Amino acid sequence: MAASRNRKSPDLSERVGAFVAARLAAYERLCIGLSGGCDSVVLAHLLSRLGLAGRLSAIHVHHGLSPNANAWAAFCADYCRDLGVPILLRHVEVAAGAGWGLEAAARQARYAAFAEIPADCLMLAQHRGDQAETLLLNLLRGGGANGAAAMPVERPCGRLRLLRPLLGETRASIEAYAVAHGLRWVSDESNADTGLTRNFLRHEVMPVMARRFPAAESALAQAAANFGEAAELLDDLAVLDWAVAADGESARLAVLREMGTARLKNLLRHRLRCLGWQVPVAARLDEFARQLQAAGPDRHPELRLAEGRMRAARGRLYWLAEP
């Protein structure tokens, strides 16, 4: 027992190595999303030391939103050359508007670039603090169980698997690793702009919470994990309900109308996510579910979304993609 108590706990490099060994097959190709910030610089350094030569690459997305964007791209290229890791540089146009804020539009453009990488797995460097902020952000937006689950450690991302090896790590442990290994990184000046919602939570809200609740970050991250388990159970229920209601790519209205409202909405949300469609705000989904349950045979409720329509007709509910 004494030997067990005295044994050192695994350090960051060992934890990331164990993460990769447990989740990746020997043939899978990895690509790191490299912004040049401390977190992604550390993740690239960690992965470059795991004997992944020939399987490891990086991608830097040039958003063009900062006067320093060219310098950040050059930094990432130089850093990857030093590590012996090939890098892809992708320029994107960020078009805010049409219902998207700047943060959301940049994320959309970034993930579109990620979809083009020649790899099997995409590695991103979000950590425990990012997870806590995401949970708060989603709750303040009125998100359900999936929103409260925040960021999963692993999820499908188009044809890729998206993995977050640092999601359980603190910002302090990541920065300590960077300092111990003499790493340099870039600082995005927009990270100090509290006009951006996530930065407001990071710089204004979280420090106040931590003064009253020192373990707030850890507790919020654990809550996200708990919500993640609940979301998995809801997805499992939706899969069972779809198996009963499905008629090819449509669903039988008679079966849908036998469900309670909450269960029906759960199935609709799950189906939309499976199709890759944006789930509408709660009020719109509530009203559509009510119409489905109450409409007579001569009525054809329809919900128009950016990707297409959900439409009831001839005793079926159809998902009709926009051409």
Protein backbone atom coordinates (compact mmCIF):
# COMPACT_ATOMS: atom_id res chain seq x y z
CA MET A 1 0.00 0.00 0.00
CA ALA A 2 2.84 2.39 0.83
CA ALA A 3 4.40 1.89 -2.58
CA SER A 4 1.04 2.65 -4.22
CA ARG A 5 0.63 5.87 -2.27
CA ASN A 6 4.16 7.04 -3.04
CA ARG A 7 4.08 6.29 -6.75
CA LYS A 8 4.03 9.50 -8.80
CA SER A 9 0.85 10.19 -10.72
CA PRO A 10 1.26 10.22 -14.52
CA ASP A 11 2.47 13.53 -15.95
CA LEU A 12 0.85 15.31 -18.86
CA SER A 13 2.89 13.52 -21.51
CA GLU A 14 1.99 10.12 -20.04
CA ARG A 15 -1.69 10.99 -19.86
CA VAL A 16 -1.80 12.13 -23.48
CA GLY A 17 0.18 9.06 -24.55
CA ALA A 18 -2.31 6.80 -22.78
CA PHE A 19 -5.21 8.71 -24.39
CA VAL A 20 -3.80 8.17 -27.88
CA ALA A 21 -2.96 4.52 -27.26
CA ALA A 22 -6.48 3.79 -26.01
CA ARG A 23 -8.36 5.53 -28.84
CA LEU A 24 -6.32 5.25 -32.03
CA ALA A 25 -5.54 2.28 -34.20
CA ALA A 26 -1.98 1.90 -35.46
CA TYR A 27 -2.94 2.83 -39.02
CA GLU A 28 -4.96 5.98 -38.26
CA ARG A 29 -3.65 9.36 -39.38
CA LEU A 30 -3.83 12.29 -36.97
CA CYS A 31 -4.06 16.01 -37.68
CA ILE A 32 -3.72 18.73 -35.02
CA GLY A 33 -5.69 21.95 -35.22
CA LEU A 34 -2.80 24.37 -34.60
CA SER A 35 -3.73 27.98 -33.85
CA GLY A 36 -0.32 28.88 -32.44
CA GLY A 37 -1.73 29.49 -28.96
CA CYS A 38 -0.28 27.81 -25.90
CA ASP A 39 -2.76 24.92 -25.79
CA SER A 40 -2.34 23.78 -29.39
CA VAL A 41 1.44 24.34 -29.28
CA VAL A 42 1.65 22.04 -26.26
CA LEU A 43 -0.58 19.41 -27.88
CA ALA A 44 1.57 19.42 -31.03
CA HIS A 45 4.72 19.05 -28.92
CA LEU A 46 3.21 16.16 -26.95
CA LEU A 47 2.00 14.28 -30.00
CA SER A 48 5.26 14.81 -31.90
CA ARG A 49 7.05 12.82 -29.19
CA LEU A 50 4.82 9.73 -29.41
CA GLY A 51 6.50 8.06 -32.37
CA LEU A 52 3.77 8.95 -34.83
CA ALA A 53 6.06 9.83 -37.75
CA GLY A 54 4.28 9.51 -41.07
CA ARG A 55 0.86 9.62 -39.36
CA LEU A 56 0.94 13.06 -37.76
CA SER A 57 0.23 16.40 -39.43
CA ALA A 58 -1.16 19.82 -38.47
CA ILE A 59 -3.53 22.35 -39.94
CA HIS A 60 -3.51 26.10 -39.33
CA VAL A 61 -6.61 28.03 -40.37
CA HIS A 62 -5.89 31.62 -41.41
CA HIS A 63 -9.10 33.55 -40.64
CA GLY A 64 -7.73 36.93 -41.71
CA LEU A 65 -9.47 38.66 -38.80
CA SER A 66 -6.33 40.04 -37.14
CA PRO A 67 -3.48 42.16 -38.50
CA ASN A 68 -1.24 39.50 -36.94
CA ALA A 69 -2.80 36.59 -38.86
CA ASN A 70 0.11 36.30 -41.31
CA ALA A 71 2.62 36.27 -38.46
CA TRP A 72 0.66 33.52 -36.68
CA ALA A 73 0.63 31.40 -39.83
CA ALA A 74 4.38 31.87 -40.23
CA PHE A 75 4.96 30.96 -36.59
CA CYS A 76 2.96 27.73 -36.98
CA ALA A 77 4.85 26.81 -40.15
CA ASP A 78 8.22 27.38 -38.45
CA TYR A 79 7.16 25.48 -35.34
CA CYS A 80 6.00 22.45 -37.33
CA ARG A 81 9.23 22.48 -39.32
CA ASP A 82 11.16 22.33 -36.05
CA LEU A 83 8.98 19.44 -34.86
CA GLY A 84 9.25 17.59 -38.15
CA VAL A 85 5.47 17.67 -38.59
CA PRO A 86 3.95 18.56 -42.00
CA ILE A 87 1.44 21.41 -41.88
CA LEU A 88 -1.43 22.57 -44.05
CA LEU A 89 -2.16 26.32 -44.16
CA ARG A 90 -5.74 27.12 -45.10
CA HIS A 91 -7.09 30.62 -45.76
CA VAL A 92 -10.81 31.08 -45.10
CA GLU A 93 -13.28 33.93 -45.42
CA VAL A 94 -15.34 34.64 -42.32
CA ALA A 95 -18.73 36.05 -43.22
CA ALA A 96 -20.59 37.22 -40.12
CA GLY A 97 -24.26 38.01 -40.51
CA ALA A 98 -27.25 36.01 -41.69
CA GLY A 99 -27.88 35.09 -38.05
CA TRP A 100 -24.22 34.30 -37.28
CA GLY A 101 -22.07 36.29 -34.87
CA LEU A 102 -18.37 36.68 -35.56
CA GLU A 103 -17.37 33.85 -33.21
CA ALA A 104 -19.87 31.42 -34.73
CA ALA A 105 -18.99 32.42 -38.30
CA ALA A 106 -15.27 31.89 -37.63
CA ARG A 107 -15.99 28.49 -36.13
CA GLN A 108 -18.11 27.54 -39.15
CA ALA A 109 -15.31 28.51 -41.54
CA ARG A 110 -12.73 26.68 -39.44
CA TYR A 111 -14.65 23.41 -39.41
CA ALA A 112 -15.22 23.66 -43.15
CA ALA A 113 -11.43 23.79 -43.53
CA PHE A 114 -11.00 20.86 -41.14
CA ALA A 115 -13.30 18.78 -43.32
CA GLU A 116 -10.69 18.84 -46.10
CA ILE A 117 -7.73 17.44 -44.18
CA PRO A 118 -6.20 14.13 -45.35
CA ALA A 119 -6.49 12.35 -42.00
CA ASP A 120 -8.69 9.99 -40.02
CA CYS A 121 -8.68 11.91 -36.72
CA LEU A 122 -8.67 15.60 -35.89
CA MET A 123 -7.04 16.55 -32.56
CA LEU A 124 -8.12 19.78 -30.87
CA ALA A 125 -6.58 21.30 -27.75
CA GLN A 126 -9.55 22.49 -25.68
CA HIS A 127 -9.03 22.01 -21.95
CA ARG A 128 -11.07 21.90 -18.74
CA GLY A 129 -11.49 25.67 -18.55
CA ASP A 130 -12.85 25.74 -22.09
CA GLN A 131 -15.28 22.98 -21.11
CA ALA A 132 -16.58 24.92 -18.11
CA GLU A 133 -17.05 28.05 -20.25
CA THR A 134 -18.87 26.09 -22.95
CA LEU A 135 -21.27 24.60 -20.40
CA LEU A 136 -22.11 28.06 -19.01
CA LEU A 137 -22.48 29.50 -22.50
CA ASN A 138 -24.85 26.77 -23.62
CA LEU A 139 -26.95 26.99 -20.46
CA LEU A 140 -27.29 30.75 -20.87
CA ARG A 141 -28.51 30.13 -24.41
CA GLY A 142 -31.19 27.78 -23.10
CA GLY A 143 -29.55 24.60 -24.37
CA GLY A 144 -30.88 21.16 -23.49
CA ALA A 145 -29.00 18.05 -22.43
CA ASN A 146 -26.77 18.04 -25.51
CA GLY A 147 -25.83 21.68 -24.97
CA ALA A 148 -25.20 21.10 -21.28
CA ALA A 149 -22.93 18.19 -22.20
CA ALA A 150 -20.69 20.86 -23.77
CA MET A 151 -17.75 19.33 -25.68
CA PRO A 152 -17.35 15.55 -25.82
CA VAL A 153 -13.90 14.00 -25.61
CA GLU A 154 -14.67 12.23 -28.89
CA ARG A 155 -17.31 12.67 -31.57
CA PRO A 156 -17.80 12.14 -35.30
CA CYS A 157 -17.00 15.19 -37.43
CA GLY A 158 -18.04 14.39 -40.97
CA ARG A 159 -15.72 11.62 -42.16
CA LEU A 160 -13.29 12.38 -39.29
CA ARG A 161 -13.20 11.49 -35.63
CA LEU A 162 -12.67 14.58 -33.50
CA LEU A 163 -10.63 13.97 -30.32
CA ARG A 164 -9.79 16.30 -27.43
CA PRO A 165 -6.89 14.80 -25.46
CA LEU A 166 -6.52 17.82 -23.13
CA LEU A 167 -10.16 18.21 -22.14
CA GLY A 168 -9.54 17.02 -18.58
CA GLU A 169 -6.44 19.20 -18.11
CA THR A 170 -6.25 22.60 -16.46
CA ARG A 171 -4.94 25.68 -18.21
CA ALA A 172 -2.26 25.92 -15.50
CA SER A 173 -0.94 22.39 -16.15
CA ILE A 174 -0.71 23.07 -19.88
CA GLU A 175 1.14 26.35 -19.37
CA ALA A 176 3.47 24.69 -16.87
CA TYR A 177 4.38 22.08 -19.49
CA ALA A 178 5.06 24.81 -22.05
CA VAL A 179 7.35 26.69 -19.69
CA ALA A 180 9.17 23.53 -18.58
CA HIS A 181 9.95 22.66 -22.21
CA GLY A 182 10.85 26.18 -23.28
CA LEU A 183 8.01 26.44 -25.78
CA ARG A 184 6.92 29.70 -27.36
CA TRP A 185 3.44 30.55 -28.55
CA VAL A 186 1.44 33.44 -29.95
CA SER A 187 -1.23 35.47 -28.18
CA ASP A 188 -4.44 36.43 -29.96
CA GLU A 189 -5.29 39.98 -28.95
CA SER A 190 -9.00 39.22 -29.38
CA ASN A 191 -8.82 36.91 -26.35
CA ALA A 192 -8.84 40.02 -24.15
CA ASP A 193 -11.96 41.47 -25.79
CA THR A 194 -14.76 40.98 -23.26
CA GLY A 195 -17.23 42.17 -25.86
CA LEU A 196 -17.00 38.57 -27.12
CA THR A 197 -19.24 36.36 -25.03
CA ARG A 198 -16.77 33.58 -24.29
CA ASN A 199 -14.11 36.08 -23.24
CA PHE A 200 -16.64 37.79 -20.95
CA LEU A 201 -17.28 34.46 -19.22
CA ARG A 202 -13.55 33.72 -18.98
CA HIS A 203 -12.38 37.08 -17.67
CA GLU A 204 -15.40 38.46 -15.82
CA VAL A 205 -17.63 35.58 -14.70
CA MET A 206 -15.34 32.63 -13.96
CA PRO A 207 -12.92 34.57 -11.67
CA VAL A 208 -15.86 35.80 -9.55
CA MET A 209 -17.27 32.28 -9.30
CA ALA A 210 -13.86 30.87 -8.39
CA ARG A 211 -13.52 33.29 -5.47
CA ARG A 212 -16.71 31.93 -3.91
CA PHE A 213 -16.43 28.36 -5.28
CA PRO A 214 -12.73 27.46 -5.71
CA ALA A 215 -13.59 24.18 -7.43
CA ALA A 216 -16.08 25.80 -9.82
CA GLU A 217 -14.18 24.90 -13.00
CA SER A 218 -13.80 21.27 -11.98
CA ALA A 219 -17.42 21.02 -10.86
CA LEU A 220 -18.73 22.51 -14.11
CA ALA A 221 -16.60 20.13 -16.17
CA GLN A 222 -17.93 17.20 -14.14
CA ALA A 223 -21.48 18.46 -14.63
CA ALA A 224 -20.86 18.51 -18.39
CA ALA A 225 -19.73 14.88 -18.22
CA ASN A 226 -22.90 13.98 -16.28
CA PHE A 227 -25.08 15.75 -18.82
CA GLY A 228 -23.16 13.89 -21.54
CA GLU A 229 -24.28 10.57 -20.06
CA ALA A 230 -27.88 11.80 -19.95
CA ALA A 231 -27.63 12.92 -23.59
CA GLU A 232 -26.36 9.47 -24.59
CA LEU A 233 -29.39 7.86 -22.94
CA LEU A 234 -31.73 10.25 -24.78
CA ASP A 235 -30.02 9.36 -28.04
CA ASP A 236 -30.44 5.67 -27.27
CA LEU A 237 -34.15 6.25 -26.65
CA ALA A 238 -34.44 8.16 -29.94
CA VAL A 239 -32.81 5.28 -31.82
CA LEU A 240 -35.37 2.86 -30.36
CA ASP A 241 -38.25 5.22 -31.21
CA TRP A 242 -36.98 5.71 -34.76
CA ALA A 243 -36.85 1.93 -35.25
CA VAL A 244 -40.57 1.77 -34.42
CA ALA A 245 -41.69 4.92 -36.27
CA ALA A 246 -39.48 4.75 -39.38
CA ASP A 247 -40.90 4.08 -42.80
CA GLY A 248 -37.80 4.27 -44.98
CA GLU A 249 -36.55 7.85 -44.62
CA SER A 250 -39.89 9.10 -43.29
CA ALA A 251 -41.78 8.44 -40.04
CA ARG A 252 -45.35 7.27 -39.50
CA LEU A 253 -47.45 10.07 -37.98
CA ALA A 254 -49.68 7.58 -36.14
CA VAL A 255 -46.66 6.36 -34.17
CA LEU A 256 -45.34 9.88 -33.54
CA ARG A 257 -48.72 10.98 -32.17
CA GLU A 258 -48.70 8.19 -29.60
CA MET A 259 -45.54 9.64 -28.03
CA GLY A 260 -45.53 12.22 -25.29
CA THR A 261 -44.42 15.70 -26.35
CA ALA A 262 -40.99 15.44 -24.73
CA ARG A 263 -40.31 12.08 -26.36
CA LEU A 264 -41.47 13.32 -29.77
CA LYS A 265 -39.22 16.37 -29.57
CA ASN A 266 -36.31 14.17 -28.53
CA LEU A 267 -36.82 12.04 -31.64
CA LEU A 268 -37.09 15.10 -33.91
CA ARG A 269 -33.89 16.62 -32.51
CA HIS A 270 -32.04 13.33 -32.89
CA ARG A 271 -33.20 12.90 -36.48
CA LEU A 272 -32.10 16.43 -37.39
CA ARG A 273 -28.66 15.85 -35.88
CA CYS A 274 -28.32 12.57 -37.78
CA LEU A 275 -29.05 14.43 -41.00
CA GLY A 276 -26.56 17.15 -40.12
CA TRP A 277 -29.31 19.80 -39.92
CA GLN A 278 -29.37 22.62 -37.39
CA VAL A 279 -31.82 21.96 -34.56
CA PRO A 280 -34.25 24.92 -34.30
CA VAL A 281 -34.73 26.99 -31.18
CA ALA A 282 -36.96 25.44 -28.53
CA ALA A 283 -40.02 27.61 -29.23
CA ARG A 284 -40.15 26.62 -32.92
CA LEU A 285 -39.70 22.92 -32.17
CA ASP A 286 -42.34 23.09 -29.41
CA GLU A 287 -44.88 24.60 -31.80
CA PHE A 288 -44.13 22.11 -34.58
CA ALA A 289 -44.48 19.16 -32.19
CA ARG A 290 -47.82 20.56 -31.00
CA GLN A 291 -49.02 20.89 -34.62
CA LEU A 292 -47.98 17.31 -35.43
CA GLN A 293 -49.93 15.95 -32.50
CA ALA A 294 -53.06 18.06 -33.08
CA ALA A 295 -53.34 18.36 -36.88
CA GLY A 296 -56.22 16.66 -38.64
CA PRO A 297 -55.75 14.56 -41.81
CA ASP A 298 -56.38 17.61 -44.02
CA ARG A 299 -53.56 19.59 -42.36
CA HIS A 300 -49.90 19.42 -43.34
CA PRO A 301 -47.68 21.01 -40.66
CA GLU A 302 -44.31 22.11 -41.96
CA LEU A 303 -41.19 23.51 -40.33
CA ARG A 304 -38.76 25.27 -42.64
CA LEU A 305 -35.08 25.15 -41.73
CA ALA A 306 -31.92 26.32 -43.47
CA GLU A 307 -31.14 22.82 -44.74
CA GLY A 308 -34.68 21.83 -45.73
CA ARG A 309 -38.19 21.17 -44.42
CA MET A 310 -39.90 18.82 -42.01
CA ARG A 311 -43.34 18.27 -43.57
CA ALA A 312 -46.29 16.07 -42.64
CA ALA A 313 -48.24 14.59 -45.56
CA ARG A 314 -50.06 11.34 -46.42
CA GLY A 315 -49.70 10.01 -42.89
CA ARG A 316 -45.94 10.44 -42.85
CA LEU A 317 -43.40 12.99 -41.62
CA TYR A 318 -40.78 13.76 -44.26
CA TRP A 319 -37.40 15.47 -44.11
CA LEU A 320 -37.01 17.24 -47.44
CA ALA A 321 -33.55 18.64 -48.10
CA GLU A 322 -33.20 21.88 -50.03
CA PRO A 323 -31.90 21.23 -53.56
